[in-house]
Protein backbone atom coordinates (compact mmCIF):
# COMPACT_ATOMS: atom_id res chain seq x y z
CA MET A 1 22.35 72.98 149.57
CA THR A 2 25.16 71.95 147.28
CA THR A 3 26.48 73.83 144.20
CA PRO A 4 25.76 72.04 140.94
CA VAL A 5 28.56 70.56 138.93
CA ILE A 6 28.70 71.71 135.30
CA ALA A 7 31.46 72.30 132.88
CA PRO A 8 33.63 75.18 134.13
CA ASP A 9 34.24 78.31 132.25
CA PRO A 10 37.56 78.62 130.38
CA ASN A 11 40.29 79.56 132.74
CA ALA A 12 42.41 81.72 130.50
CA PRO A 13 41.45 85.31 131.25
CA LEU A 14 41.71 88.02 128.61
CA ALA A 15 43.87 91.06 129.15
CA PRO A 16 42.20 93.54 131.49
CA MET A 17 40.64 96.45 129.59
CA PRO A 18 41.52 100.07 130.53
CA LEU A 19 38.60 101.51 132.52
CA PRO A 20 36.49 103.84 130.32
CA PRO A 21 34.69 106.90 131.81
CA LEU A 22 31.61 105.69 133.76
CA PRO A 23 28.24 106.28 132.10
CA THR A 24 26.16 109.19 133.44
CA PRO A 25 22.65 108.56 132.17
CA THR A 26 20.34 111.47 132.91
CA ASP A 27 17.05 109.89 131.75
CA ASP A 28 15.61 106.55 131.05
CA SER A 29 16.22 106.50 127.25
CA ALA A 30 19.98 105.66 127.59
CA ALA A 31 19.19 103.21 130.36
CA ARG A 32 16.54 101.50 128.32
CA GLU A 33 19.01 100.97 125.43
CA PHE A 34 21.58 99.62 127.96
CA PHE A 35 19.16 97.08 129.36
CA ARG A 36 17.89 96.17 125.88
CA GLN A 37 21.40 95.33 124.91
CA LEU A 38 22.09 93.58 128.09
CA THR A 39 18.98 91.49 127.66
CA GLY A 40 19.99 90.48 124.12
CA PHE A 41 23.50 89.67 124.95
CA SER A 42 22.45 87.69 128.12
CA ALA A 43 19.96 85.51 126.27
CA GLN A 44 22.67 84.56 123.66
CA TYR A 45 25.27 83.83 126.35
CA LEU A 46 22.83 81.89 128.57
CA ALA A 47 21.68 79.84 125.53
CA SER A 48 25.32 78.97 124.86
CA LEU A 49 25.36 77.47 128.38
CA ARG A 50 22.11 75.65 127.58
CA LEU A 51 20.21 77.75 130.09
CA PRO A 52 16.92 79.61 129.74
CA PRO A 53 16.99 83.40 128.99
CA MET A 54 16.18 84.32 132.68
CA SER A 55 15.75 82.86 136.08
CA PRO A 56 12.27 81.76 137.09
CA TRP A 57 12.75 82.76 140.67
CA GLY A 58 11.23 86.19 141.24
CA TYR A 59 8.17 88.52 141.06
CA GLU A 60 6.40 90.20 138.13
CA GLY A 61 7.18 93.55 139.53
CA TYR A 62 8.16 95.32 142.72
CA GLU A 63 6.27 96.16 145.85
CA GLY A 64 3.15 98.25 145.18
CA ASP A 65 4.00 98.49 141.52
CA LYS A 66 6.58 101.11 142.39
CA ALA A 67 10.14 101.42 141.30
CA PRO A 68 12.68 99.88 143.64
CA ARG A 69 14.15 102.12 146.34
CA GLY A 70 17.30 100.12 146.94
CA ALA A 71 19.92 97.64 145.70
CA ILE A 72 21.60 94.76 147.55
CA LEU A 73 25.16 93.70 146.60
CA HIS A 74 26.35 90.09 147.04
CA TYR A 75 29.27 87.87 146.38
CA THR A 76 28.64 84.39 144.82
CA ALA A 77 30.85 82.34 147.18
CA ASN A 78 32.33 80.60 144.06
CA SER A 79 34.69 81.62 141.33
CA SER A 80 32.70 80.52 138.32
CA LEU A 81 30.31 82.66 136.44
CA GLY A 82 28.84 79.61 134.65
CA VAL A 83 28.09 77.77 137.98
CA THR A 84 26.31 80.85 139.28
CA LEU A 85 24.21 81.29 136.18
CA SER A 86 23.29 77.61 136.21
CA TRP A 87 22.36 77.80 139.93
CA PHE A 88 20.05 80.81 139.26
CA CYS A 89 18.47 79.79 135.93
CA HIS A 90 18.25 75.98 135.82
CA GLU A 91 15.10 74.87 137.49
CA VAL A 92 16.33 71.29 138.07
CA PHE A 93 18.64 72.56 140.85
CA ALA A 94 15.59 74.09 142.63
CA ALA A 95 17.74 76.76 144.20
CA LYS A 96 14.86 79.25 144.15
CA ALA A 97 17.29 82.09 144.31
CA SER A 98 18.26 84.69 141.60
CA SER A 99 19.52 88.21 141.19
CA HIS A 100 19.07 90.70 138.46
CA VAL A 101 22.60 90.61 137.17
CA VAL A 102 25.76 88.64 137.83
CA ILE A 103 28.92 90.53 137.48
CA GLY A 104 31.97 88.46 136.51
CA SER A 105 35.47 89.05 137.90
CA ARG A 106 36.96 89.16 134.40
CA ARG A 107 36.01 89.13 130.71
CA GLU A 108 35.01 85.67 129.85
CA PRO A 109 36.55 84.34 126.63
CA ASN A 110 33.43 82.31 125.75
CA ALA A 111 31.31 85.56 125.88
CA GLU A 112 33.41 87.51 123.30
CA GLN A 113 31.70 85.93 120.28
CA PHE A 114 28.36 87.52 121.18
CA LEU A 115 29.52 91.06 121.86
CA ALA A 116 29.86 92.60 118.33
CA GLN A 117 26.22 93.65 118.15
CA TRP A 118 25.93 94.89 121.71
CA PRO A 119 28.43 97.81 121.86
CA LEU A 120 27.37 99.07 125.37
CA ILE A 121 27.93 95.56 126.77
CA LYS A 122 31.11 95.10 124.85
CA ALA A 123 32.48 98.29 126.54
CA LEU A 124 32.11 96.80 130.03
CA PRO A 125 35.50 95.79 131.58
CA VAL A 126 34.13 92.49 132.86
CA THR A 127 31.43 90.16 131.78
CA VAL A 128 27.87 91.14 133.06
CA VAL A 129 24.97 88.73 132.62
CA GLN A 130 21.31 89.52 133.35
CA THR A 131 19.35 86.79 135.00
CA ARG A 132 16.08 88.81 135.84
CA PRO A 133 14.78 91.75 133.89
CA ALA A 134 15.43 95.00 135.66
CA LEU A 135 11.69 95.83 135.97
CA LYS A 136 10.86 92.49 137.55
CA GLY A 137 11.70 91.46 141.15
CA ALA A 138 14.23 88.76 142.09
CA TRP A 139 14.66 86.47 145.05
CA HIS A 140 18.01 87.54 146.37
CA ALA A 141 17.77 88.83 150.03
CA THR A 142 14.66 87.72 151.77
CA TRP A 143 12.67 90.62 153.35
CA VAL A 144 13.96 93.36 151.08
CA ASN A 145 13.33 91.47 147.73
CA ALA A 146 10.23 93.27 146.95
CA PHE A 147 11.85 96.76 146.77
CA THR A 148 15.44 96.17 145.88
CA TYR A 149 17.56 95.38 142.80
CA GLY A 150 20.02 92.48 143.26
CA ILE A 151 23.57 92.34 142.10
CA GLU A 152 25.76 89.16 142.46
CA ASN A 153 29.61 89.45 142.10
CA VAL A 154 31.68 86.48 141.20
CA ASN A 155 33.89 86.28 144.14
CA MET A 156 34.86 83.41 146.56
CA GLY A 157 34.34 85.52 149.66
CA GLU A 158 35.82 84.02 152.79
CA LEU A 159 38.75 81.63 152.48
CA ARG A 160 40.19 79.54 155.32
CA ARG A 161 43.78 78.33 155.86
CA VAL A 162 43.89 74.58 156.61
CA ASN A 163 47.29 72.90 156.96
CA GLY A 164 48.98 75.71 155.05
CA LYS A 165 46.58 75.67 152.19
CA LEU A 166 43.77 78.11 151.31
CA MET A 167 40.47 76.28 151.34
CA SER A 168 37.17 77.58 150.00
CA TRP A 169 33.45 76.88 150.26
CA PRO A 170 31.62 74.75 149.01
CA PRO A 171 32.63 71.35 150.47
CA ALA A 172 34.67 68.99 148.22
CA THR A 173 32.16 66.34 148.85
CA PRO A 174 28.37 67.20 148.87
CA GLY A 175 27.26 67.08 152.44
CA GLY A 176 30.75 67.10 153.75
CA GLU A 177 32.79 69.49 155.76
CA GLU A 178 32.41 73.07 154.35
CA TRP A 179 36.07 74.01 154.08
CA THR A 180 37.64 71.07 152.24
CA THR A 181 37.90 72.39 148.67
CA GLU A 182 41.31 73.78 147.81
CA TRP A 183 40.96 77.27 146.37
CA ALA A 184 41.48 77.39 142.64
CA ASN A 185 43.07 80.73 141.64
CA PRO A 186 43.18 81.10 137.87
CA GLU A 187 43.49 84.81 137.97
CA ASN A 188 46.46 84.83 140.27
CA LYS A 189 44.71 86.95 142.90
CA SER A 190 46.28 87.74 146.16
CA PRO A 191 43.91 87.03 148.97
CA LEU A 192 43.87 89.43 151.96
CA ASP A 193 43.66 88.98 155.71
CA GLN A 194 41.13 91.45 157.09
CA VAL A 195 39.24 91.66 160.35
CA GLY A 196 40.60 88.24 161.39
CA ARG A 197 39.67 86.32 158.35
CA THR A 198 41.08 85.76 154.80
CA TRP A 199 39.04 87.08 151.76
CA ASP A 200 39.05 86.98 147.99
CA ASN A 201 39.46 90.35 146.58
CA TYR A 202 37.70 92.50 143.86
CA SER A 203 39.18 94.10 140.77
CA SER A 204 38.65 97.74 139.74
CA GLY A 205 36.79 96.55 136.61
CA GLN A 206 34.30 94.57 138.78
CA VAL A 207 33.80 97.62 141.04
CA TRP A 208 33.41 99.88 137.93
CA ALA A 209 30.77 97.43 136.63
CA ASN A 210 28.72 97.66 139.84
CA ILE A 211 28.60 101.42 139.63
CA ALA A 212 27.79 101.50 135.95
CA VAL A 213 24.96 98.96 136.14
CA LEU A 214 23.51 100.77 139.24
CA ARG A 215 23.61 104.18 137.55
CA TYR A 216 21.83 102.70 134.48
CA ALA A 217 19.26 101.06 136.83
CA ASN A 218 18.68 104.18 138.80
CA ALA A 219 18.05 106.16 135.52
CA LEU A 220 15.65 103.36 134.40
CA PHE A 221 13.81 103.59 137.73
CA GLY A 222 13.49 107.44 137.46
CA GLY A 223 16.05 108.10 140.23
CA SER A 224 14.21 106.08 142.83
CA LEU A 225 17.25 104.50 144.54
CA GLN A 226 17.94 105.89 148.03
CA PRO A 227 21.39 105.77 149.58
CA GLU A 228 20.13 104.27 152.82
CA TRP A 229 18.87 101.25 150.82
CA ILE A 230 21.99 100.57 148.80
CA LEU A 231 23.46 97.89 151.08
CA GLY A 232 25.37 94.62 151.18
CA HIS A 233 23.68 91.28 151.81
CA GLU A 234 25.13 91.19 155.33
CA GLN A 235 23.36 94.46 156.30
CA VAL A 236 19.96 92.85 155.77
CA GLN A 237 20.59 89.15 156.32
CA GLY A 238 23.62 88.81 158.48
CA LYS A 239 22.16 87.20 161.61
CA LYS A 240 19.71 84.35 162.17
CA THR A 241 16.40 85.99 163.26
CA PRO A 242 12.76 85.40 162.41
CA HIS A 243 13.32 87.55 159.38
CA CYS A 244 16.50 85.90 158.26
CA THR A 245 17.20 82.12 158.37
CA SER A 246 20.86 82.13 157.42
CA GLU A 247 23.83 84.18 158.24
CA LYS A 248 25.56 86.13 155.43
CA ARG A 249 28.87 87.95 155.18
CA ASP A 250 28.75 89.15 151.59
CA PRO A 251 30.00 91.27 149.90
CA GLY A 252 32.73 91.20 152.59
CA PRO A 253 35.13 93.73 154.18
CA LEU A 254 37.14 94.24 150.88
CA PHE A 255 34.12 95.51 148.94
CA PRO A 256 34.11 99.41 148.74
CA LEU A 257 30.49 99.65 149.54
CA HIS A 258 30.43 103.28 150.73
CA ASP A 259 32.37 104.54 147.67
CA ILE A 260 30.13 102.53 145.22
CA ARG A 261 27.05 104.05 147.00
CA ALA A 262 28.47 107.62 146.68
CA ALA A 263 29.38 107.00 143.00
CA VAL A 264 25.98 105.78 142.09
CA MET A 265 24.12 108.67 143.80
CA GLY A 266 26.61 111.19 142.19
CA GLN A 267 27.79 111.65 138.66
CA GLU A 268 31.56 112.08 138.97
CA ASP A 269 34.04 109.33 138.20
CA PRO A 270 35.34 108.06 141.58
CA ALA A 271 39.01 108.84 141.82
CA PHE A 272 39.76 105.67 143.88
CA LEU A 273 39.21 103.44 140.84
CA ASP A 274 42.38 104.70 139.26
CA SER A 275 44.57 103.14 141.93
CA TYR A 276 42.26 100.62 143.46
CA ASP A 277 44.07 97.52 142.14
CA ALA A 278 47.31 98.83 143.44
CA GLN A 279 45.89 99.29 146.96
CA PRO A 280 44.87 95.99 148.35
CA THR A 281 44.26 97.40 151.80
CA TYR A 282 42.05 100.24 150.43
CA GLU A 283 39.04 99.42 152.63
CA SER A 284 40.96 98.90 155.78
CA THR A 285 42.78 102.22 155.27
CA LYS A 286 39.36 103.95 154.75
CA ARG A 287 38.02 102.44 157.88
CA ASP A 288 41.13 103.68 159.84
CA ALA A 289 40.56 107.21 158.34
CA ARG A 290 36.92 107.25 159.45
CA VAL A 291 37.70 106.23 162.99
CA ILE A 292 40.58 108.76 163.24
CA ALA A 293 38.25 111.48 161.98
CA THR A 294 35.66 110.53 164.59
CA VAL A 295 37.99 110.47 167.49
CA LYS A 296 39.39 113.81 166.40
CA ALA A 297 35.86 115.29 166.32
CA LEU A 298 35.30 114.03 169.82
CA SER A 299 38.58 114.96 171.39
CA GLY A 300 40.11 117.51 169.12
CA ASN A 301 43.31 115.40 168.98
CA ASP A 302 45.12 113.78 166.05
CA MET A 303 45.99 110.12 166.74
CA SER A 304 47.52 107.15 165.14
CA ALA A 305 45.16 104.52 163.72
CA ALA A 306 45.95 102.13 166.69
CA ASP A 307 45.14 104.84 169.29
CA ALA A 308 42.13 106.06 167.54
CA TRP A 309 40.65 102.57 167.44
CA ALA A 310 41.35 102.17 171.12
CA ALA A 311 39.62 105.49 171.87
CA PHE A 312 36.67 104.56 169.59
CA LYS A 313 36.40 101.21 171.37
CA ALA A 314 36.31 102.97 174.78
CA ALA A 315 33.51 105.17 173.51
CA MET A 316 31.56 102.21 172.08
CA VAL A 317 31.81 100.34 175.43
CA LEU A 318 30.18 103.31 177.14
CA LEU A 319 27.57 103.84 174.43
CA PRO A 320 24.90 101.46 175.79
CA SER A 321 24.72 103.39 178.94
CA GLN A 322 24.67 106.83 177.27
CA THR A 323 21.73 108.66 175.80
CA GLY A 324 23.71 111.05 173.60
CA ASN A 325 26.92 110.69 171.53
CA SER A 326 25.18 110.31 168.26
CA LEU A 327 28.60 110.76 166.35
CA VAL A 328 29.82 107.46 167.90
CA LEU A 329 26.53 105.81 167.18
CA LYS A 330 26.49 106.94 163.57
CA ARG A 331 30.11 105.88 163.10
CA ALA A 332 29.25 102.44 164.43
CA LEU A 333 26.45 102.07 161.92
CA ASN A 334 28.79 103.46 159.12
CA LEU A 335 31.48 100.83 159.97
CA LEU A 336 28.87 98.17 159.76
CA GLY A 337 28.05 99.23 156.21
CA TYR A 338 24.98 101.41 156.77
CA PHE A 339 24.39 104.95 155.25
CA VAL A 340 24.37 107.80 157.75
CA ASP A 341 24.44 111.57 157.56
CA ILE A 342 27.81 111.75 159.34
CA ASP A 343 28.12 115.55 158.90
CA ASN A 344 25.15 116.37 161.13
CA ALA A 345 25.23 115.67 164.81
CA ALA A 346 21.43 115.14 165.25
CA MET A 347 19.81 112.02 164.17
CA GLY A 348 17.92 112.49 160.90
CA PRO A 349 15.52 110.56 158.62
CA VAL A 350 18.14 108.56 156.76
CA ASP A 351 19.84 107.74 160.13
CA THR A 352 16.57 106.46 161.45
CA VAL A 353 16.01 104.20 158.44
CA SER A 354 19.52 102.68 159.00
CA VAL A 355 18.90 102.17 162.68
CA LYS A 356 15.61 100.37 161.83
CA THR A 357 17.27 98.27 159.20
CA PHE A 358 19.98 97.34 161.81
CA GLN A 359 17.17 96.41 164.23
CA VAL A 360 15.64 94.12 161.72
CA LEU A 361 18.89 92.39 161.12
CA MET A 362 19.42 91.91 164.89
CA GLY A 363 15.88 90.74 165.68
CA LEU A 364 15.21 93.79 167.83
CA THR A 365 12.09 96.01 168.17
CA GLU A 366 11.89 97.91 164.88
CA ASP A 367 11.21 101.46 165.92
CA GLY A 368 14.21 103.29 164.52
CA VAL A 369 15.12 104.60 168.05
CA PRO A 370 18.71 103.73 168.97
CA GLY A 371 17.93 102.80 172.67
CA PRO A 372 20.35 100.98 175.00
CA ILE A 373 19.55 97.50 173.66
CA THR A 374 20.21 98.68 170.07
CA ARG A 375 23.35 100.43 171.04
CA ARG A 376 24.62 97.28 172.93
CA ALA A 377 23.79 95.31 169.78
CA MET A 378 25.94 97.73 167.70
CA LEU A 379 28.87 97.13 170.00
CA ASP A 380 28.30 93.31 169.82
CA ARG A 381 28.09 93.43 166.01
CA LEU A 382 31.33 95.37 165.67
CA VAL A 383 33.02 92.67 167.87
CA ASP A 384 31.37 89.95 165.81
CA ARG A 385 32.51 91.36 162.45
CA GLY A 386 36.06 91.68 163.76
CA TYR A 387 36.25 95.53 163.82
CA LEU A 388 36.65 95.67 167.56
CA SER A 389 38.00 93.17 170.16
CA ALA A 390 35.66 91.96 172.86
CA PRO A 391 35.40 94.47 175.79
């Protein structure tokens, strides 16, 4: 499948906006007003791109006529908001894929003319466009589409170094080699090497917008979102199985999934946003801290990050043959992006949901019981994602 070629968005970014306080809607009235304004703005912006007011690819509602219980967060694997919107909304491309909103990496200059009458949308630090109504389903993540809200983030995702140059997907020639397009970098981003690969990064404004949109969505849905179902694409469609026909890595290791989840389910402004842009290794530092804390809980000893990872790897290698050690098992799920109750030693209901979701991902028996095969798959997955070296 090739990305359609359309006129690119203007390259000149506007100056970043200071981040305002995050919205804290407590009922659906504020949320309904937000989505009313988002619908109005989006229709105008899409019309300016000669696109219909919403994507045709989705459902009339959610599973069982119930409010969604989760949200799946993605990256677009391109750097153009306009290309993504065209891909979702223009039937001629027959992508048959969509999301509820696309969150840009910046404020798009060609969107500013429409914002005066939509103050809640104008207040967003980046451009956000709705492509499916919040109360209708979207086709964005295969088996969880019917009960999840979908967000796409404009972000190139993985980059590869070829002959000293950073190359991106899609291929320069349709049907050609995948990593032959030189990375265009109009925003002067600094890509980061993490877990053995190179990645495009996210801005604090983009992270802020994910939290804000999901808070409004959760209020609109009557508080139906559950933390164990706020996941990235790779947690539900990251391995080729009968459930999943293609491998996904989005939103990638630089995306602060756990912090976004916590901020959506809480009401406080997350402190990490104040310094997020100045901490390009924020997520890797957080992963180190989580592993250090786990090893200390097991051994009682403080360790350096390198020693803690070595000790954690040793515990993971033993895990398939052990019946206990739920702390190591939970930390493995946590590192892989799933929500767990890390403060309780025993496996609880949310942990069981995360185990079962992981089993679906890996094509295993879906019983929520972390048996030896599931525990071995966790070890293999940590190696595959680059968090552990092969034993």
